[in-house]
Amino acid sequence: MWRALASTILAGVVGLSGGSPAAWGTARPARDQVTAVSVAPTISPVPVEGTDGRIHMPYELLLVNFGGDPATIDSVRALDRAHPSRVLDSLTGDQVATHFAIAKIGTAPGPQAVLGPGQEGIVWLDATVPSRADIPRQIVHRIRVTFPTGQAGGLVPADVTVTVAPTAVSHLPAPVVAPPLAGTRWFDANGCCRLVSAHRGSVNPLDGRTNFPERSAIDFIKLNDRDRLFTGPATKISSYAYYGTPVTAAADGEVVELRDGLPDQVPTMEPPLGQLPLADFAGNHIIEKFTYAGHTYYALYAHMKPGSVRAHVHLGEHLRVGQQVGQLGNSGNSSAPHLHFQVMDRSSALASQGIPYAFDRFFLRGRAASENVVTDVLDGRRFTYARGVRPGPQRRRLPLYLDLVDFPRTAPRR
């Protein structure tokens, strides 16, 4: 799977200023609170409907501890600014730690949400509402931070709770595209939104920017009719019956980046981080520039079979939805044959912001019982279904992490 690149954050921060909801919109806050911790949102979140029927708005907060003592992040709540009693996301107790990481290469969420003096951290949020009619115009954040003792000569108390960092919800539409694959039992083994998967947690400090390109990316692997990933030795590509599956264009657009000729990796043996050049991370791939509702987006199709990309497309080619662009492979930063698919705001697999998207139609077959099922499946064990998930057709929705879906064939347009 495409491993996350945790990073040192390079972006600026927004100071915390206190004030009650009644004070918002006045000339100045009712009071100022020295907090020692600052908070800034990474993006204006883009709403997308998931297979759970809810509208998801994935984004992150960057926190900096300017104090001299460790700061413990006890809780983070995302609220509708116009209706502060409406909670859009809530992290408390151990949940904070599983959605928090120090901004440092090699770190990952857990086991605690503590910012040392001068440290910066990331909190991953997934604000959700029941319907599009409930999407807020702005989100604010109620955060509780505690310190071992009062800070700055008593200006900062040992226990601080503030409502801060107003964040506008984006008016940018989540593009609706066709599935890039066809067939049954495609497993979202690394995706969005609530749990911090390797994709959701990926952060890249590139080109002087803090990039979250894989915010809504999905790794698709295919189970056989016995709900297993492979038959035979796990290290043999021939054991994966879906290897070589045609990959098709999800939208009409132009090929603006193309890479081919990289070898497949040996399954189960992901290249060590640092030994693979950044240019090879996506393996054999294309980036397609396309337009939806008057806005420009970029789609990445990654880790394809050697020779299959140039056999079907060329740089600058104008694609039609459903046109074959390659075959599913195991090239680049990959430990099992899969298609990595993501939509982003720039023509860069790593130095971009990931944008949520929806597939126009597919069938939800089921959902994995837990994150442990991903490891089980990669180890050759059977997929374990979660209870209470109703199978059914899906329209204009994003498959969520751990979903098992069937995709229809998309016939190329003429």
Protein backbone atom coordinates (compact mmCIF):
# COMPACT_ATOMS: atom_id res chain seq x y z
CA MET A 1 0.00 0.00 0.00
CA TRP A 2 1.04 3.59 -0.50
CA ARG A 3 2.77 4.47 2.73
CA ALA A 4 2.14 7.85 4.33
CA LEU A 5 4.90 10.48 4.46
CA ALA A 6 4.39 12.11 7.84
CA SER A 7 5.95 15.53 7.88
CA THR A 8 7.26 18.58 9.61
CA ILE A 9 4.66 21.27 8.97
CA LEU A 10 5.80 24.31 7.02
CA ALA A 11 2.56 26.30 7.03
CA GLY A 12 1.75 29.30 9.22
CA VAL A 13 -0.61 29.30 12.18
CA VAL A 14 -3.56 31.31 13.43
CA GLY A 15 -3.57 32.46 17.04
CA LEU A 16 -6.34 31.43 19.38
CA SER A 17 -8.63 34.21 20.47
CA GLY A 18 -11.42 33.52 22.89
CA GLY A 19 -14.92 34.88 22.97
CA SER A 20 -18.39 33.51 23.34
CA PRO A 21 -20.61 32.73 20.31
CA ALA A 22 -22.48 35.94 21.00
CA ALA A 23 -19.25 37.87 20.51
CA TRP A 24 -18.59 36.55 17.00
CA GLY A 25 -19.29 39.20 14.41
CA THR A 26 -18.71 42.09 16.82
CA ALA A 27 -15.90 44.57 16.31
CA ARG A 28 -13.67 42.61 18.69
CA PRO A 29 -13.97 39.55 20.95
CA ALA A 30 -15.47 39.99 24.38
CA ARG A 31 -12.12 38.91 25.85
CA ASP A 32 -8.70 37.64 24.82
CA GLN A 33 -7.35 34.39 26.23
CA VAL A 34 -3.64 33.55 26.24
CA THR A 35 -3.66 29.85 25.42
CA ALA A 36 -0.03 28.97 24.52
CA VAL A 37 -1.45 26.80 21.68
CA SER A 38 -2.48 28.09 18.26
CA VAL A 39 -4.80 26.37 15.78
CA ALA A 40 -5.21 26.63 12.00
CA PRO A 41 -7.31 24.61 9.53
CA THR A 42 -5.48 23.11 6.55
CA ILE A 43 -8.25 23.67 3.97
CA SER A 44 -11.87 24.65 3.54
CA PRO A 45 -13.41 21.17 3.60
CA VAL A 46 -15.27 19.91 0.52
CA PRO A 47 -18.52 18.03 1.29
CA VAL A 48 -19.10 14.58 -0.23
CA GLU A 49 -21.76 11.93 0.42
CA GLY A 50 -20.49 8.57 1.66
CA THR A 51 -21.99 5.09 1.57
CA ASP A 52 -23.31 5.60 5.09
CA GLY A 53 -25.71 8.24 3.68
CA ARG A 54 -23.98 11.06 5.55
CA ILE A 55 -22.19 14.10 4.14
CA HIS A 56 -18.47 13.97 5.01
CA MET A 57 -16.13 16.96 5.20
CA PRO A 58 -12.58 15.65 5.82
CA TYR A 59 -9.87 18.13 6.81
CA GLU A 60 -7.16 18.72 9.41
CA LEU A 61 -6.09 21.18 12.08
CA LEU A 62 -2.51 22.27 12.69
CA LEU A 63 -1.67 23.01 16.36
CA VAL A 64 1.48 24.71 17.71
CA ASN A 65 2.52 24.78 21.36
CA PHE A 66 4.24 28.11 22.08
CA GLY A 67 4.45 27.33 25.79
CA GLY A 68 7.33 26.03 27.85
CA ASP A 69 5.53 22.95 29.17
CA PRO A 70 3.88 19.99 27.39
CA ALA A 71 0.31 20.62 26.24
CA THR A 72 -2.19 17.75 26.36
CA ILE A 73 -5.03 17.96 23.83
CA ASP A 74 -7.92 16.56 25.85
CA SER A 75 -10.76 17.10 23.39
CA VAL A 76 -11.54 18.58 19.98
CA ARG A 77 -15.07 19.24 18.76
CA ALA A 78 -16.10 20.61 15.39
CA LEU A 79 -19.29 22.70 15.64
CA ASP A 80 -21.65 24.43 13.26
CA ARG A 81 -20.79 28.09 13.82
CA ALA A 82 -24.38 29.21 13.25
CA HIS A 83 -25.70 26.52 15.63
CA PRO A 84 -22.92 25.85 18.21
CA SER A 85 -24.92 23.08 19.89
CA ARG A 86 -24.72 21.04 16.67
CA VAL A 87 -21.65 18.77 16.94
CA LEU A 88 -20.16 17.77 13.57
CA ASP A 89 -17.25 15.74 14.94
CA SER A 90 -16.06 14.97 18.45
CA LEU A 91 -12.77 13.57 19.69
CA THR A 92 -12.39 12.89 23.39
CA GLY A 93 -10.17 10.68 25.53
CA ASP A 94 -8.33 8.01 23.53
CA GLN A 95 -10.04 9.17 20.33
CA VAL A 96 -7.87 12.30 20.30
CA ALA A 97 -4.67 10.23 20.29
CA THR A 98 -5.84 8.06 17.37
CA HIS A 99 -6.49 11.24 15.34
CA PHE A 100 -3.36 13.18 16.40
CA ALA A 101 0.30 13.05 15.41
CA ILE A 102 3.38 15.20 15.98
CA ALA A 103 4.42 16.97 12.77
CA LYS A 104 7.59 15.00 12.24
CA ILE A 105 8.69 12.60 9.50
CA GLY A 106 8.06 9.04 10.60
CA THR A 107 5.41 9.74 13.23
CA ALA A 108 1.89 8.36 13.16
CA PRO A 109 -1.27 8.78 15.28
CA GLY A 110 -1.08 7.57 18.89
CA PRO A 111 -0.41 6.71 21.60
CA GLN A 112 -1.04 10.13 23.20
CA ALA A 113 -2.06 13.64 22.16
CA VAL A 114 0.71 15.69 23.76
CA LEU A 115 2.54 18.65 22.19
CA GLY A 116 5.96 19.35 23.65
CA PRO A 117 7.24 22.93 23.91
CA GLY A 118 7.67 24.35 20.42
CA GLN A 119 6.14 21.33 18.74
CA GLU A 120 3.50 21.30 16.02
CA GLY A 121 0.87 18.61 15.64
CA ILE A 122 -1.94 17.53 13.35
CA VAL A 123 -5.52 16.60 14.25
CA TRP A 124 -7.54 14.76 11.62
CA LEU A 125 -11.26 15.59 11.54
CA ASP A 126 -14.26 14.29 9.61
CA ALA A 127 -17.14 16.69 10.13
CA THR A 128 -20.39 15.04 9.06
CA VAL A 129 -24.05 15.98 8.72
CA PRO A 130 -27.13 13.89 7.82
CA SER A 131 -27.96 15.67 4.54
CA ARG A 132 -26.84 18.40 2.16
CA ALA A 133 -29.45 20.72 3.66
CA ASP A 134 -27.50 20.51 6.95
CA ILE A 135 -24.10 21.53 5.54
CA PRO A 136 -22.89 24.52 7.59
CA ARG A 137 -21.43 27.67 6.09
CA GLN A 138 -18.66 27.69 8.71
CA ILE A 139 -17.19 25.28 11.22
CA VAL A 140 -15.62 26.31 14.54
CA HIS A 141 -13.63 24.22 16.99
CA ARG A 142 -13.98 23.86 20.74
CA ILE A 143 -10.67 22.61 22.08
CA ARG A 144 -9.61 21.73 25.60
CA VAL A 145 -5.87 21.86 26.40
CA THR A 146 -4.29 21.13 29.76
CA PHE A 147 -0.80 21.85 31.10
CA PRO A 148 1.10 20.49 34.13
CA THR A 149 0.98 23.97 35.66
CA GLY A 150 -0.15 27.45 34.75
CA GLN A 151 1.97 29.08 32.03
CA ALA A 152 3.59 32.45 31.43
CA GLY A 153 3.50 33.76 34.95
CA GLY A 154 -0.14 32.76 35.45
CA LEU A 155 -1.45 34.23 32.18
CA VAL A 156 -2.22 30.72 30.91
CA PRO A 157 -4.24 28.53 33.27
CA ALA A 158 -3.52 24.82 33.66
CA ASP A 159 -6.85 24.00 31.96
CA VAL A 160 -7.89 25.97 28.85
CA THR A 161 -11.10 25.53 26.82
CA VAL A 162 -11.65 27.84 23.85
CA THR A 163 -13.81 28.02 20.73
CA VAL A 164 -11.55 28.95 17.82
CA ALA A 165 -10.42 28.61 14.21
CA PRO A 166 -13.55 29.40 12.17
CA THR A 167 -13.34 27.43 8.93
CA ALA A 168 -15.47 28.13 5.86
CA VAL A 169 -16.94 25.08 4.17
CA SER A 170 -15.88 25.04 0.53
CA HIS A 171 -18.31 25.79 -2.28
CA LEU A 172 -16.12 23.66 -4.54
CA PRO A 173 -18.19 20.66 -5.70
CA ALA A 174 -16.88 17.15 -5.12
CA PRO A 175 -16.58 15.85 -8.70
CA VAL A 176 -18.74 12.90 -9.72
CA VAL A 177 -16.77 10.47 -11.89
CA ALA A 178 -17.09 6.96 -13.30
CA PRO A 179 -15.38 4.06 -11.50
CA PRO A 180 -11.89 3.37 -12.95
CA LEU A 181 -12.42 -0.39 -12.53
CA ALA A 182 -15.16 -2.93 -13.28
CA GLY A 183 -16.22 -6.15 -11.59
CA THR A 184 -17.20 -7.47 -8.20
CA ARG A 185 -15.65 -7.49 -4.73
CA TRP A 186 -13.39 -4.44 -4.93
CA PHE A 187 -12.20 -3.68 -1.38
CA ASP A 188 -11.41 -0.14 -0.20
CA ALA A 189 -8.36 -1.24 1.79
CA ASN A 190 -6.96 2.25 2.40
CA GLY A 191 -9.29 5.23 2.21
CA CYS A 192 -11.38 8.00 3.74
CA CYS A 193 -12.74 9.31 6.09
CA ARG A 194 -13.40 8.70 9.80
CA LEU A 195 -10.46 6.43 10.61
CA VAL A 196 -6.95 7.70 9.99
CA SER A 197 -5.77 5.17 7.43
CA ALA A 198 -2.34 5.46 5.80
CA HIS A 199 -3.90 7.54 3.03
CA ARG A 200 -5.97 9.74 5.31
CA GLY A 201 -2.93 10.34 7.49
CA SER A 202 -0.47 11.03 4.66
CA VAL A 203 1.29 14.43 4.92
CA ASN A 204 3.98 15.61 2.50
CA PRO A 205 6.24 18.66 3.12
CA LEU A 206 7.07 19.43 -0.51
CA ASP A 207 7.68 22.64 -2.46
CA GLY A 208 7.35 24.74 0.70
CA ARG A 209 3.78 23.51 1.26
CA THR A 210 2.07 21.15 3.66
CA ASN A 211 0.34 18.72 1.32
CA PHE A 212 -2.42 16.19 2.07
CA PRO A 213 -2.78 14.69 -1.44
CA GLU A 214 -4.24 11.36 -0.32
CA ARG A 215 -7.00 12.84 1.82
CA SER A 216 -9.67 10.89 -0.12
CA ALA A 217 -7.47 8.43 -2.03
CA ILE A 218 -8.46 4.77 -2.25
CA ASP A 219 -6.38 1.61 -2.70
CA PHE A 220 -8.57 -0.94 -4.50
CA ILE A 221 -7.78 -4.65 -4.17
CA LYS A 222 -10.08 -7.40 -5.46
CA LEU A 223 -11.31 -10.43 -3.55
CA ASN A 224 -12.13 -13.71 -5.29
CA ASP A 225 -15.42 -15.58 -4.97
CA ARG A 226 -14.14 -17.10 -1.71
CA ASP A 227 -13.55 -13.60 -0.30
CA ARG A 228 -9.78 -14.02 -0.36
CA LEU A 229 -7.15 -11.81 -1.98
CA PHE A 230 -4.91 -14.46 -3.53
CA THR A 231 -4.55 -18.18 -4.18
CA GLY A 232 -1.04 -19.61 -3.97
CA PRO A 233 2.20 -18.08 -2.66
CA ALA A 234 1.67 -14.50 -1.48
CA THR A 235 4.97 -13.42 -3.08
CA LYS A 236 3.92 -14.48 -6.61
CA ILE A 237 2.02 -11.95 -8.74
CA SER A 238 0.36 -14.89 -10.51
CA SER A 239 -1.43 -15.67 -7.20
CA TYR A 240 -3.46 -12.46 -7.59
CA ALA A 241 -6.09 -13.25 -10.22
CA TYR A 242 -7.08 -9.59 -10.66
CA TYR A 243 -3.53 -8.52 -11.62
CA GLY A 244 -3.75 -6.93 -15.07
CA THR A 245 -7.37 -5.81 -14.72
CA PRO A 246 -8.10 -2.98 -17.19
CA VAL A 247 -7.98 0.51 -15.66
CA THR A 248 -10.28 3.02 -17.38
CA ALA A 249 -10.65 6.79 -17.46
CA ALA A 250 -13.01 8.11 -14.79
CA ALA A 251 -13.75 11.29 -16.76
CA ASP A 252 -13.20 13.00 -20.07
CA GLY A 253 -9.86 14.77 -19.84
CA GLU A 254 -6.24 15.18 -20.91
CA VAL A 255 -3.19 13.11 -19.95
CA VAL A 256 -0.85 15.69 -18.40
CA GLU A 257 1.64 13.27 -16.79
CA LEU A 258 2.65 9.76 -17.79
CA ARG A 259 5.18 7.28 -16.39
CA ASP A 260 5.84 3.74 -17.57
CA GLY A 261 8.67 1.21 -17.57
CA LEU A 262 9.06 0.70 -13.81
CA PRO A 263 9.09 -2.96 -12.72
CA ASP A 264 6.49 -4.58 -10.50
CA GLN A 265 7.48 -5.04 -6.87
CA VAL A 266 7.51 -8.48 -5.29
CA PRO A 267 4.18 -8.76 -3.43
CA THR A 268 4.46 -8.45 0.39
CA MET A 269 7.85 -6.70 -0.02
CA GLU A 270 7.22 -2.98 -0.04
CA PRO A 271 10.35 -0.97 -0.86
CA PRO A 272 11.96 0.56 2.26
CA LEU A 273 11.12 4.23 2.76
CA GLY A 274 14.03 6.33 1.54
CA GLN A 275 15.23 3.83 -1.05
CA LEU A 276 12.55 4.69 -3.59
CA PRO A 277 12.88 8.04 -5.43
CA LEU A 278 9.89 10.34 -5.04
CA ALA A 279 9.36 10.22 -8.81
CA ASP A 280 8.81 6.45 -8.55
CA PHE A 281 6.31 6.45 -5.68
CA ALA A 282 3.25 6.30 -7.93
CA GLY A 283 4.86 3.64 -10.08
CA ASN A 284 3.61 3.44 -13.65
CA HIS A 285 0.84 6.01 -13.72
CA ILE A 286 -0.99 8.81 -15.43
CA ILE A 287 -2.41 12.08 -14.18
CA GLU A 288 -5.53 13.22 -16.01
CA LYS A 289 -6.71 16.83 -16.06
CA PHE A 290 -10.50 17.09 -16.20
CA THR A 291 -13.29 19.58 -15.61
CA TYR A 292 -16.41 19.17 -13.50
CA ALA A 293 -19.06 21.87 -12.97
CA GLY A 294 -16.69 24.47 -14.37
CA HIS A 295 -13.81 23.58 -12.03
CA THR A 296 -10.51 21.91 -12.91
CA TYR A 297 -9.35 18.75 -11.13
CA TYR A 298 -6.62 16.15 -11.56
CA ALA A 299 -7.04 12.37 -11.23
CA LEU A 300 -4.16 10.00 -10.45
CA TYR A 301 -4.19 6.35 -11.56
CA ALA A 302 -1.15 4.72 -9.94
CA HIS A 303 0.91 1.49 -9.64
CA MET A 304 -0.03 0.10 -13.06
CA LYS A 305 1.50 -2.87 -14.86
CA PRO A 306 4.79 -2.24 -16.71
CA GLY A 307 4.22 -1.45 -20.36
CA SER A 308 0.46 -1.16 -20.01
CA VAL A 309 0.28 2.63 -19.84
CA ARG A 310 2.11 3.44 -23.07
CA ALA A 311 0.27 0.59 -24.77
CA HIS A 312 -3.01 2.47 -24.32
CA VAL A 313 -2.38 6.23 -23.99
CA HIS A 314 0.18 8.92 -24.71
CA LEU A 315 1.07 12.23 -23.08
CA GLY A 316 -1.32 14.97 -24.17
CA GLU A 317 -3.99 12.53 -25.31
CA HIS A 318 -7.60 13.56 -24.75
CA LEU A 319 -9.36 10.70 -22.99
CA ARG A 320 -13.00 9.72 -23.04
CA VAL A 321 -14.63 8.29 -19.93
CA GLY A 322 -14.38 4.49 -19.97
CA GLN A 323 -11.31 4.47 -22.26
CA GLN A 324 -8.61 2.05 -21.09
CA VAL A 325 -5.51 3.82 -19.71
CA GLY A 326 -3.53 0.82 -18.46
CA GLN A 327 -3.72 -2.34 -16.38
CA LEU A 328 -3.68 -2.82 -12.62
CA GLY A 329 -0.19 -3.65 -11.40
CA ASN A 330 2.23 -3.55 -8.48
CA SER A 331 4.82 -0.92 -9.47
CA GLY A 332 6.20 1.87 -7.31
CA ASN A 333 5.49 2.10 -3.59
CA SER A 334 3.30 -0.99 -3.48
CA SER A 335 3.24 -4.26 -1.54
CA ALA A 336 0.30 -5.96 -3.30
CA PRO A 337 -1.32 -5.50 -6.72
CA HIS A 338 -3.81 -2.64 -6.48
CA LEU A 339 -5.04 0.55 -8.10
CA HIS A 340 -4.40 3.75 -6.21
CA PHE A 341 -6.93 6.39 -7.29
CA GLN A 342 -7.15 9.96 -6.06
CA VAL A 343 -8.43 13.38 -7.14
CA MET A 344 -6.42 16.51 -6.35
CA ASP A 345 -6.13 20.23 -6.98
CA ARG A 346 -2.75 20.20 -8.78
CA SER A 347 -0.95 18.04 -11.31
CA SER A 348 1.23 16.35 -8.69
CA ALA A 349 0.77 12.99 -7.00
CA LEU A 350 2.54 14.19 -3.85
CA ALA A 351 2.56 18.02 -3.81
CA SER A 352 -1.18 18.69 -3.92
CA GLN A 353 -4.33 18.79 -1.82
CA GLY A 354 -6.63 15.79 -2.06
CA ILE A 355 -10.22 16.55 -3.10
CA PRO A 356 -13.17 14.28 -2.22
CA TYR A 357 -15.02 12.76 -5.18
CA ALA A 358 -17.98 10.46 -5.78
CA PHE A 359 -18.58 7.61 -8.23
CA ASP A 360 -21.70 7.96 -10.32
CA ARG A 361 -22.91 4.43 -9.59
CA PHE A 362 -21.81 1.23 -7.90
CA PHE A 363 -23.14 -1.48 -5.57
CA LEU A 364 -22.26 -1.70 -1.88
CA ARG A 365 -21.75 -5.40 -1.17
CA GLY A 366 -20.68 -5.04 2.47
CA ARG A 367 -18.09 -3.61 4.83
CA ALA A 368 -15.16 -5.10 6.75
CA ALA A 369 -15.81 -5.84 10.40
CA SER A 370 -12.77 -3.78 11.49
CA GLU A 371 -9.43 -2.38 10.35
CA ASN A 372 -7.87 -5.72 11.31
CA VAL A 373 -9.58 -7.25 8.28
CA VAL A 374 -7.16 -5.37 6.00
CA THR A 375 -4.22 -7.19 7.58
CA ASP A 376 -6.16 -10.46 7.53
CA VAL A 377 -6.88 -10.16 3.82
CA LEU A 378 -3.29 -9.19 2.95
CA ASP A 379 -2.13 -12.24 4.94
CA GLY A 380 -4.41 -14.53 2.92
CA ARG A 381 -7.26 -14.91 5.38
CA ARG A 382 -10.91 -14.48 4.45
CA PHE A 383 -12.72 -11.17 4.48
CA THR A 384 -14.90 -10.76 7.57
CA TYR A 385 -18.15 -8.86 7.03
CA ALA A 386 -19.48 -6.26 9.46
CA ARG A 387 -23.00 -6.81 10.72
CA GLY A 388 -25.83 -4.38 10.09
CA VAL A 389 -24.58 -3.10 6.72
CA ARG A 390 -27.38 -3.23 4.15
CA PRO A 391 -26.16 -4.03 0.62
CA GLY A 392 -27.61 -1.89 -2.13
CA PRO A 393 -27.04 0.34 -5.15
CA GLN A 394 -25.20 3.62 -4.60
CA ARG A 395 -25.46 6.82 -6.64
CA ARG A 396 -23.04 9.74 -6.55
CA ARG A 397 -21.32 8.56 -3.38
CA LEU A 398 -17.77 7.94 -2.15
CA PRO A 399 -16.90 4.40 -1.01
CA LEU A 400 -15.71 4.65 2.56
CA TYR A 401 -12.67 2.95 4.08
CA LEU A 402 -13.35 -0.80 4.52
CA ASP A 403 -16.25 -0.90 2.02
CA LEU A 404 -16.58 -3.86 -0.37
CA VAL A 405 -18.15 -2.76 -3.66
CA ASP A 406 -19.09 -3.94 -7.15
CA PHE A 407 -18.42 -1.66 -10.12
CA PRO A 408 -20.33 -1.77 -13.42
CA ARG A 409 -18.45 -1.68 -16.70
CA THR A 410 -18.21 1.83 -18.17
CA ALA A 411 -18.42 1.67 -21.95
CA PRO A 412 -16.11 4.13 -23.70
CA ARG A 413 -17.90 7.16 -25.14
CA ARG A 414 -17.42 7.96 -28.81
